[in-house]
Amino acid sequence: MAERLSFDIMPIADQLARLPEVDLKTGEMIAPYTSYQIGGPAAIWASPRSETGIGQVLAITHKAGIPLFILGRGSNLLVSDKGWPGIMLYLGDNISGWRFAGNEAAVLAGTPLIDLIRAAVDQGLGGMELMAGIPGGIGGALRMNAGAFGQEIQQTTIEIKGFRLDGTSFRARREEINFGYRHVPDLDPVVITSGRFRFKKAAAGMLKSRMDDILALRDVTSLGILRELHRWGAHAMVITVMLHMLRVFLTGSYKPPREFNWGVGVVLLVLTFLLSFTGYLLPWDQLAIWAITVGTNMARATPFVGSEGPGSALFMIGDVPLITAGSDVRFALLGGKSVGAAALMRFYVLHCVAIPLVAAVLMGVHFWRIRKDGGISGPL
């Protein structure tokens, strides 16, 4: 069951149940509404049938101070088996649909993105067809500025409507919103209810061909050699370097006069691991984000340079600690306190520029030392 609240939630449930445009349930299981099919019960499940109903739920929830969770299409969402102890505001099939007027469309937030794209393509309207492989709904796509293959949803957006968390209405045109890379800070305090988009006229056959190519890339070639070549090459590189180091150790090739080159080799091994680690985030999917979250959380426990690691308390100026959550090695890796756009940029630069340059220099030193020390060594 969900964790208990410190106050009686039933009076709020009764108040919400009296709203004519809201369907209310208690103890509704969340699992059927997520792509992973996991998640316990919601203490209160509110499913508005209109945009007005959404604002009413938000106003009551805000006034009562009850924990609120906004659930859209549930794509790539992990929910505890304990469920949610407050109000779950569902914006899925209940707030779904669109209306075309020429090359423009007004779309409700719960509409699956792929459904809108298919409808637009059928009418010869382009601008989103390359995003056909992105799961989720319109609300989530706007919230994160979803995009793929050079197209982003902000490019077709005209206007966004919704409510602030206190239930007051929100309405903004595209030029009033600061769209970032996979994040739109201006929409963080907003519950999106609908959006208006402008498409470009194009041949329906050409648009359908482009859309089908994207869907085939996702559905057919997910294990194809071209898509997996880099990943399996990276695995092979890590295994090869580890086997090489094992061979050097077993043959005693780290002994004088080769101890310097052994040290260079150890550094190259660490750089190989770092290449693999930094590259893991670059697909920018849920698996990558959570894997890097776990990995960098481990970095917090690094001795001396991690805020939770042994020895970090030794670095102080007076009573002011120098190693904190805002200045330790984890913060340096992520460029912040969580995995976001800054972390993606840092990992991209490290993976594609910084680490390869350092590794290339050390590989040159490594090969030079092998020749200087008499070539590849045998057992010593």
Protein backbone atom coordinates (compact mmCIF):
# COMPACT_ATOMS: atom_id res chain seq x y z
CA MET A 1 0.00 0.00 0.00
CA ALA A 2 1.00 3.65 -0.31
CA GLU A 3 2.64 5.37 2.62
CA ARG A 4 0.26 7.02 5.04
CA LEU A 5 -0.13 10.76 5.11
CA SER A 6 0.01 12.75 8.31
CA PHE A 7 -3.57 13.96 7.79
CA ASP A 8 -6.93 12.62 6.63
CA ILE A 9 -7.12 12.61 2.87
CA MET A 10 -10.76 11.58 2.59
CA PRO A 11 -12.29 15.09 2.97
CA ILE A 12 -10.20 16.15 -0.05
CA ALA A 13 -11.34 13.06 -1.93
CA ASP A 14 -14.96 13.97 -1.18
CA GLN A 15 -14.34 17.52 -2.40
CA LEU A 16 -12.77 16.28 -5.64
CA ALA A 17 -15.56 13.75 -6.16
CA ARG A 18 -18.07 16.60 -6.34
CA LEU A 19 -16.33 18.08 -9.40
CA PRO A 20 -18.59 17.27 -12.39
CA GLU A 21 -15.72 16.98 -14.91
CA VAL A 22 -13.43 14.74 -12.85
CA ASP A 23 -13.53 10.95 -12.43
CA LEU A 24 -12.17 9.96 -9.02
CA LYS A 25 -10.95 6.64 -7.64
CA THR A 26 -9.11 5.57 -4.50
CA GLY A 27 -6.45 2.88 -4.46
CA GLU A 28 -6.18 2.75 -8.25
CA MET A 29 -3.14 0.71 -9.34
CA ILE A 30 -0.61 2.78 -11.31
CA ALA A 31 1.07 -0.15 -13.09
CA PRO A 32 -1.41 -0.43 -16.01
CA TYR A 33 -0.75 3.19 -16.92
CA THR A 34 3.06 2.90 -17.29
CA SER A 35 5.11 1.37 -20.10
CA TYR A 36 7.01 -0.84 -17.63
CA GLN A 37 3.74 -2.05 -16.08
CA ILE A 38 4.95 -1.49 -12.52
CA GLY A 39 3.69 0.72 -9.70
CA GLY A 40 1.51 0.39 -6.62
CA PRO A 41 -1.76 2.12 -5.74
CA ALA A 42 -2.47 5.85 -5.76
CA ALA A 43 -4.23 7.09 -2.64
CA ILE A 44 -6.41 9.32 -4.84
CA TRP A 45 -6.65 8.94 -8.63
CA ALA A 46 -8.05 12.01 -10.39
CA SER A 47 -8.87 11.71 -14.08
CA PRO A 48 -10.28 15.00 -15.47
CA ARG A 49 -12.37 14.86 -18.62
CA SER A 50 -11.63 18.47 -19.62
CA GLU A 51 -9.00 21.17 -19.28
CA THR A 52 -11.27 23.00 -16.84
CA GLY A 53 -11.33 19.92 -14.62
CA ILE A 54 -7.53 19.89 -14.52
CA GLY A 55 -7.44 23.43 -13.18
CA GLN A 56 -10.04 22.61 -10.53
CA VAL A 57 -8.07 19.60 -9.28
CA LEU A 58 -4.87 21.66 -9.11
CA ALA A 59 -6.54 24.47 -7.16
CA ILE A 60 -7.98 22.11 -4.54
CA THR A 61 -4.75 20.11 -4.25
CA HIS A 62 -2.63 23.24 -3.86
CA LYS A 63 -4.88 24.69 -1.18
CA ALA A 64 -4.85 21.42 0.79
CA GLY A 65 -1.07 21.00 0.49
CA ILE A 66 -1.36 17.36 -0.54
CA PRO A 67 1.46 15.68 -2.51
CA LEU A 68 0.69 15.77 -6.23
CA PHE A 69 2.05 13.67 -9.09
CA ILE A 70 1.25 14.40 -12.74
CA LEU A 71 1.06 11.20 -14.80
CA GLY A 72 0.94 11.41 -18.58
CA ARG A 73 1.40 8.43 -20.88
CA GLY A 74 3.76 6.77 -18.38
CA SER A 75 6.59 6.14 -20.86
CA ASN A 76 9.84 4.92 -19.24
CA LEU A 77 8.48 5.74 -15.79
CA LEU A 78 9.54 3.78 -12.71
CA VAL A 79 6.96 3.81 -9.89
CA SER A 80 7.47 2.25 -6.47
CA ASP A 81 5.38 -0.76 -5.50
CA LYS A 82 4.35 1.36 -2.50
CA GLY A 83 2.46 3.56 -4.92
CA TRP A 84 1.78 7.26 -4.39
CA PRO A 85 0.48 8.58 -1.04
CA GLY A 86 -1.17 11.70 -2.42
CA ILE A 87 -3.12 12.70 -5.51
CA MET A 88 -2.26 11.20 -8.88
CA LEU A 89 -3.47 13.53 -11.64
CA TYR A 90 -3.83 11.45 -14.78
CA LEU A 91 -3.53 13.16 -18.17
CA GLY A 92 -3.65 10.32 -20.66
CA ASP A 93 -6.50 8.93 -22.73
CA ASN A 94 -8.94 11.13 -20.80
CA ILE A 95 -7.30 14.30 -22.20
CA SER A 96 -6.59 13.22 -25.74
CA GLY A 97 -7.50 14.34 -29.25
CA TRP A 98 -6.77 16.98 -31.87
CA ARG A 99 -8.45 19.33 -34.31
CA PHE A 100 -6.89 20.44 -37.60
CA ALA A 101 -7.56 23.81 -39.22
CA GLY A 102 -5.55 24.16 -42.41
CA ASN A 103 -1.92 23.48 -41.58
CA GLU A 104 -2.44 24.09 -37.86
CA ALA A 105 -3.58 21.68 -35.16
CA ALA A 106 -4.86 22.15 -31.60
CA VAL A 107 -3.85 19.08 -29.60
CA LEU A 108 -4.66 17.95 -26.05
CA ALA A 109 -1.72 17.01 -23.80
CA GLY A 110 -2.58 13.32 -23.39
CA THR A 111 -2.52 12.64 -27.12
CA PRO A 112 0.19 10.09 -28.06
CA LEU A 113 2.82 11.85 -30.15
CA ILE A 114 2.84 9.08 -32.75
CA ASP A 115 -0.95 9.41 -33.24
CA LEU A 116 -0.64 13.11 -34.01
CA ILE A 117 2.26 12.49 -36.38
CA ARG A 118 0.34 9.82 -38.28
CA ALA A 119 -2.71 12.09 -38.58
CA ALA A 120 -0.58 14.98 -39.82
CA VAL A 121 1.28 12.80 -42.34
CA ASP A 122 -2.02 11.48 -43.71
CA GLN A 123 -2.99 15.09 -44.47
CA GLY A 124 0.36 15.92 -46.05
CA LEU A 125 1.57 17.98 -43.11
CA GLY A 126 5.23 17.69 -42.14
CA GLY A 127 7.49 18.92 -39.38
CA MET A 128 7.24 16.08 -36.88
CA GLU A 129 7.56 12.93 -39.00
CA LEU A 130 11.18 12.29 -37.92
CA MET A 131 10.04 12.18 -34.28
CA ALA A 132 7.81 9.15 -34.93
CA GLY A 133 10.01 6.88 -32.82
CA ILE A 134 9.63 8.97 -29.65
CA PRO A 135 7.22 7.43 -27.11
CA GLY A 136 4.90 9.39 -24.85
CA GLY A 137 2.36 12.14 -25.23
CA ILE A 138 2.23 15.73 -26.41
CA GLY A 139 2.45 17.16 -22.89
CA GLY A 140 5.64 15.27 -22.09
CA ALA A 141 7.11 16.07 -25.50
CA LEU A 142 6.55 19.80 -24.92
CA ARG A 143 7.85 19.61 -21.36
CA MET A 144 11.21 18.19 -22.50
CA ASN A 145 11.34 19.70 -26.00
CA ALA A 146 11.45 16.23 -27.53
CA GLY A 147 13.34 15.83 -30.76
CA ALA A 148 15.13 13.43 -33.08
CA PHE A 149 17.09 13.54 -36.35
CA GLY A 150 17.18 17.34 -36.46
CA GLN A 151 13.52 17.95 -35.64
CA GLU A 152 12.32 19.33 -32.29
CA ILE A 153 8.77 19.90 -31.19
CA GLN A 154 9.49 23.55 -30.43
CA GLN A 155 10.03 24.13 -34.16
CA THR A 156 6.33 23.56 -34.88
CA THR A 157 4.92 24.95 -31.63
CA ILE A 158 2.76 28.08 -31.82
CA GLU A 159 1.26 28.20 -28.33
CA ILE A 160 1.06 26.21 -25.09
CA LYS A 161 -1.83 26.24 -22.64
CA GLY A 162 -2.15 24.82 -19.15
CA PHE A 163 -2.29 25.66 -15.48
CA ARG A 164 0.23 26.59 -12.83
CA LEU A 165 0.38 24.32 -9.79
CA ASP A 166 -1.93 26.64 -7.85
CA GLY A 167 -4.64 26.25 -10.47
CA THR A 168 -4.22 29.62 -12.18
CA SER A 169 -4.28 29.51 -15.97
CA PHE A 170 -1.13 29.57 -18.10
CA ARG A 171 -0.88 30.55 -21.75
CA ALA A 172 2.27 31.41 -23.68
CA ARG A 173 3.33 31.69 -27.29
CA ARG A 174 6.44 29.99 -28.64
CA GLU A 175 8.55 33.17 -28.57
CA GLU A 176 7.75 33.69 -24.88
CA ILE A 177 9.21 30.34 -23.85
CA ASN A 178 12.90 29.51 -23.52
CA PHE A 179 13.26 26.05 -25.06
CA GLY A 180 16.49 24.29 -24.10
CA TYR A 181 17.99 20.97 -25.11
CA ARG A 182 15.58 18.33 -23.77
CA HIS A 183 14.51 20.70 -21.02
CA VAL A 184 12.20 23.70 -20.88
CA PRO A 185 12.71 25.44 -17.51
CA ASP A 186 9.82 27.84 -18.15
CA LEU A 187 7.43 24.87 -18.15
CA ASP A 188 8.68 23.27 -14.91
CA PRO A 189 5.91 24.88 -12.77
CA VAL A 190 3.24 24.30 -15.44
CA VAL A 191 0.79 21.45 -16.02
CA ILE A 192 0.41 21.44 -19.80
CA THR A 193 -3.12 20.75 -21.05
CA SER A 194 -2.84 21.49 -24.77
CA GLY A 195 -0.66 22.90 -27.50
CA ARG A 196 -1.13 24.46 -30.90
CA PHE A 197 1.20 23.54 -33.75
CA ARG A 198 1.87 24.72 -37.31
CA PHE A 199 2.96 22.15 -39.89
CA LYS A 200 4.39 22.50 -43.40
CA LYS A 201 2.61 21.25 -46.50
CA ALA A 202 4.42 18.40 -48.23
CA ALA A 203 3.68 15.29 -50.27
CA ALA A 204 1.94 12.75 -48.05
CA GLY A 205 3.79 9.86 -49.72
CA MET A 206 7.20 11.39 -49.05
CA LEU A 207 6.30 12.15 -45.42
CA LYS A 208 5.00 8.61 -44.88
CA SER A 209 8.19 7.15 -46.33
CA ARG A 210 10.30 9.24 -43.94
CA MET A 211 8.12 8.27 -40.98
CA ASP A 212 8.21 4.58 -41.88
CA ASP A 213 12.01 4.70 -42.16
CA ILE A 214 12.22 6.04 -38.59
CA LEU A 215 9.82 3.42 -37.26
CA ALA A 216 11.74 0.68 -39.07
CA LEU A 217 14.98 1.94 -37.54
CA ARG A 218 13.42 1.57 -34.10
CA ASP A 219 11.48 -1.65 -34.62
CA VAL A 220 13.57 -3.65 -37.09
CA THR A 221 17.23 -2.65 -36.78
CA SER A 222 17.56 -2.21 -33.01
CA LEU A 223 20.05 -5.12 -33.07
CA GLY A 224 21.40 -4.42 -36.56
CA ILE A 225 25.15 -4.38 -37.12
CA LEU A 226 25.31 -0.70 -38.09
CA ARG A 227 23.44 0.45 -34.99
CA GLU A 228 25.40 -1.83 -32.65
CA LEU A 229 28.86 -1.55 -34.22
CA HIS A 230 30.08 1.22 -31.93
CA ARG A 231 28.69 -0.41 -28.79
CA TRP A 232 30.18 -3.83 -29.46
CA GLY A 233 33.43 -2.23 -30.56
CA ALA A 234 33.61 -0.46 -27.20
CA HIS A 235 32.99 -3.73 -25.35
CA ALA A 236 35.72 -5.42 -27.40
CA MET A 237 38.13 -2.56 -26.67
CA VAL A 238 37.62 -2.87 -22.89
CA ILE A 239 38.04 -6.67 -22.98
CA THR A 240 41.14 -6.46 -25.20
CA VAL A 241 42.88 -3.91 -22.98
CA MET A 242 42.08 -5.96 -19.86
CA LEU A 243 43.43 -9.15 -21.46
CA HIS A 244 46.57 -7.28 -22.53
CA MET A 245 47.16 -6.04 -18.97
CA LEU A 246 46.60 -9.57 -17.67
CA ARG A 247 49.16 -10.91 -20.13
CA VAL A 248 51.70 -8.26 -19.09
CA PHE A 249 51.16 -9.12 -15.44
CA LEU A 250 51.39 -12.90 -15.90
CA THR A 251 54.59 -12.65 -17.96
CA GLY A 252 56.17 -10.25 -15.48
CA SER A 253 56.61 -7.60 -18.17
CA TYR A 254 56.01 -4.86 -15.60
CA LYS A 255 59.41 -5.48 -14.02
CA PRO A 256 62.51 -3.30 -14.63
CA PRO A 257 63.29 -1.79 -17.03
CA ARG A 258 59.60 -1.70 -18.06
CA GLU A 259 58.01 -0.39 -14.85
CA PHE A 260 57.48 3.10 -16.34
CA ASN A 261 55.58 1.68 -19.31
CA TRP A 262 53.51 -0.45 -16.92
CA GLY A 263 52.40 2.76 -15.22
CA VAL A 264 51.48 4.29 -18.58
CA GLY A 265 49.50 1.16 -19.39
CA VAL A 266 47.56 1.36 -16.14
CA VAL A 267 46.59 4.95 -16.93
CA LEU A 268 45.48 3.87 -20.43
CA LEU A 269 43.35 1.13 -18.86
CA VAL A 270 41.64 3.70 -16.63
CA LEU A 271 41.08 5.97 -19.64
CA THR A 272 39.50 3.04 -21.50
CA PHE A 273 37.06 2.55 -18.63
CA LEU A 274 36.31 6.29 -18.62
CA LEU A 275 35.64 6.23 -22.37
CA SER A 276 33.12 3.47 -21.80
CA PHE A 277 31.55 5.28 -18.84
CA THR A 278 31.23 8.68 -20.53
CA GLY A 279 29.86 7.12 -23.71
CA TYR A 280 27.09 5.39 -21.78
CA LEU A 281 25.20 8.65 -21.26
CA LEU A 282 25.24 9.79 -24.87
CA PRO A 283 22.19 7.80 -26.09
CA TRP A 284 20.29 10.01 -23.59
CA ASP A 285 17.61 7.42 -22.80
CA GLN A 286 16.25 6.29 -19.45
CA LEU A 287 18.76 3.43 -19.13
CA ALA A 288 21.67 5.80 -19.75
CA ILE A 289 20.40 8.49 -17.37
CA TRP A 290 19.81 6.10 -14.49
CA ALA A 291 23.08 4.23 -15.07
CA ILE A 292 25.05 7.49 -14.91
CA THR A 293 23.04 8.57 -11.88
CA VAL A 294 24.09 5.40 -10.07
CA GLY A 295 27.70 5.68 -11.26
CA THR A 296 28.12 9.29 -10.22
CA ASN A 297 26.41 8.62 -6.90
CA MET A 298 29.21 6.14 -6.26
CA ALA A 299 31.67 8.95 -6.99
CA ARG A 300 30.32 10.79 -3.95
CA ALA A 301 31.99 8.15 -1.79
CA THR A 302 35.43 8.64 -3.36
CA PRO A 303 38.07 9.18 -0.66
CA PHE A 304 39.03 12.83 -0.14
CA VAL A 305 37.26 14.23 -3.24
CA GLY A 306 33.73 12.87 -2.67
CA SER A 307 31.41 14.73 -0.30
CA GLU A 308 30.46 11.46 1.43
CA GLY A 309 33.86 9.80 1.09
CA PRO A 310 36.42 9.21 3.85
CA GLY A 311 38.85 12.06 4.34
CA SER A 312 36.68 14.77 2.79
CA ALA A 313 36.23 16.40 6.20
CA LEU A 314 39.98 17.05 6.33
CA PHE A 315 39.67 19.80 3.73
CA MET A 316 38.28 22.79 5.57
CA ILE A 317 38.94 26.50 5.98
CA GLY A 318 37.95 27.26 9.53
CA ASP A 319 34.50 25.73 9.90
CA VAL A 320 33.78 25.85 6.17
CA PRO A 321 34.12 22.48 4.36
CA LEU A 322 35.76 22.62 0.94
CA ILE A 323 34.37 19.30 -0.28
CA THR A 324 30.57 19.51 -0.42
CA ALA A 325 27.81 18.21 -2.68
CA GLY A 326 28.27 21.39 -4.70
CA SER A 327 32.04 21.08 -5.14
CA ASP A 328 33.00 17.41 -5.06
CA VAL A 329 34.00 15.06 -7.89
CA ARG A 330 30.38 14.14 -8.64
CA PHE A 331 29.47 17.80 -9.14
CA ALA A 332 32.51 18.21 -11.39
CA LEU A 333 31.43 15.26 -13.56
CA LEU A 334 27.80 16.35 -13.89
CA GLY A 335 28.21 20.11 -13.94
CA GLY A 336 25.42 20.19 -11.35
CA LYS A 337 23.71 18.10 -8.70
CA SER A 338 21.74 15.91 -11.11
CA VAL A 339 22.00 14.42 -14.60
CA GLY A 340 20.90 17.13 -17.02
CA ALA A 341 21.93 19.11 -20.07
CA ALA A 342 25.20 20.23 -18.43
CA ALA A 343 26.13 16.60 -17.71
CA LEU A 344 25.35 15.55 -21.27
CA MET A 345 27.58 18.31 -22.64
CA ARG A 346 30.46 17.43 -20.27
CA PHE A 347 30.25 13.73 -21.05
CA TYR A 348 30.14 14.47 -24.79
CA VAL A 349 33.27 16.64 -24.61
CA LEU A 350 35.07 14.12 -22.39
CA HIS A 351 34.10 11.17 -24.59
CA CYS A 352 34.75 12.76 -27.98
CA VAL A 353 37.60 15.21 -27.32
CA ALA A 354 39.39 15.26 -23.95
CA ILE A 355 39.88 11.57 -23.16
CA PRO A 356 40.77 10.55 -26.76
CA LEU A 357 43.41 13.30 -26.94
CA VAL A 358 45.03 12.26 -23.66
CA ALA A 359 44.83 8.59 -24.65
CA ALA A 360 46.43 9.30 -28.05
CA VAL A 361 49.39 11.07 -26.43
CA LEU A 362 49.88 8.27 -23.89
CA MET A 363 49.60 5.60 -26.60
CA GLY A 364 52.42 7.35 -28.46
CA VAL A 365 54.52 7.32 -25.28
CA HIS A 366 53.57 3.69 -24.67
CA PHE A 367 54.70 2.49 -28.12
CA TRP A 368 57.86 4.57 -27.94
CA ARG A 369 58.78 2.97 -24.62
CA ILE A 370 58.14 -0.52 -26.01
CA ARG A 371 60.69 0.14 -28.78
CA LYS A 372 63.11 1.79 -26.34
CA ASP A 373 62.86 -1.16 -23.94
CA GLY A 374 63.70 -3.71 -26.60
CA GLY A 375 60.36 -4.53 -28.21
CA ILE A 376 57.50 -6.69 -26.99
CA SER A 377 58.70 -8.62 -23.97
CA GLY A 378 58.48 -12.31 -23.32
CA PRO A 379 58.19 -13.97 -19.91
CA LEU A 380 60.60 -12.50 -17.35
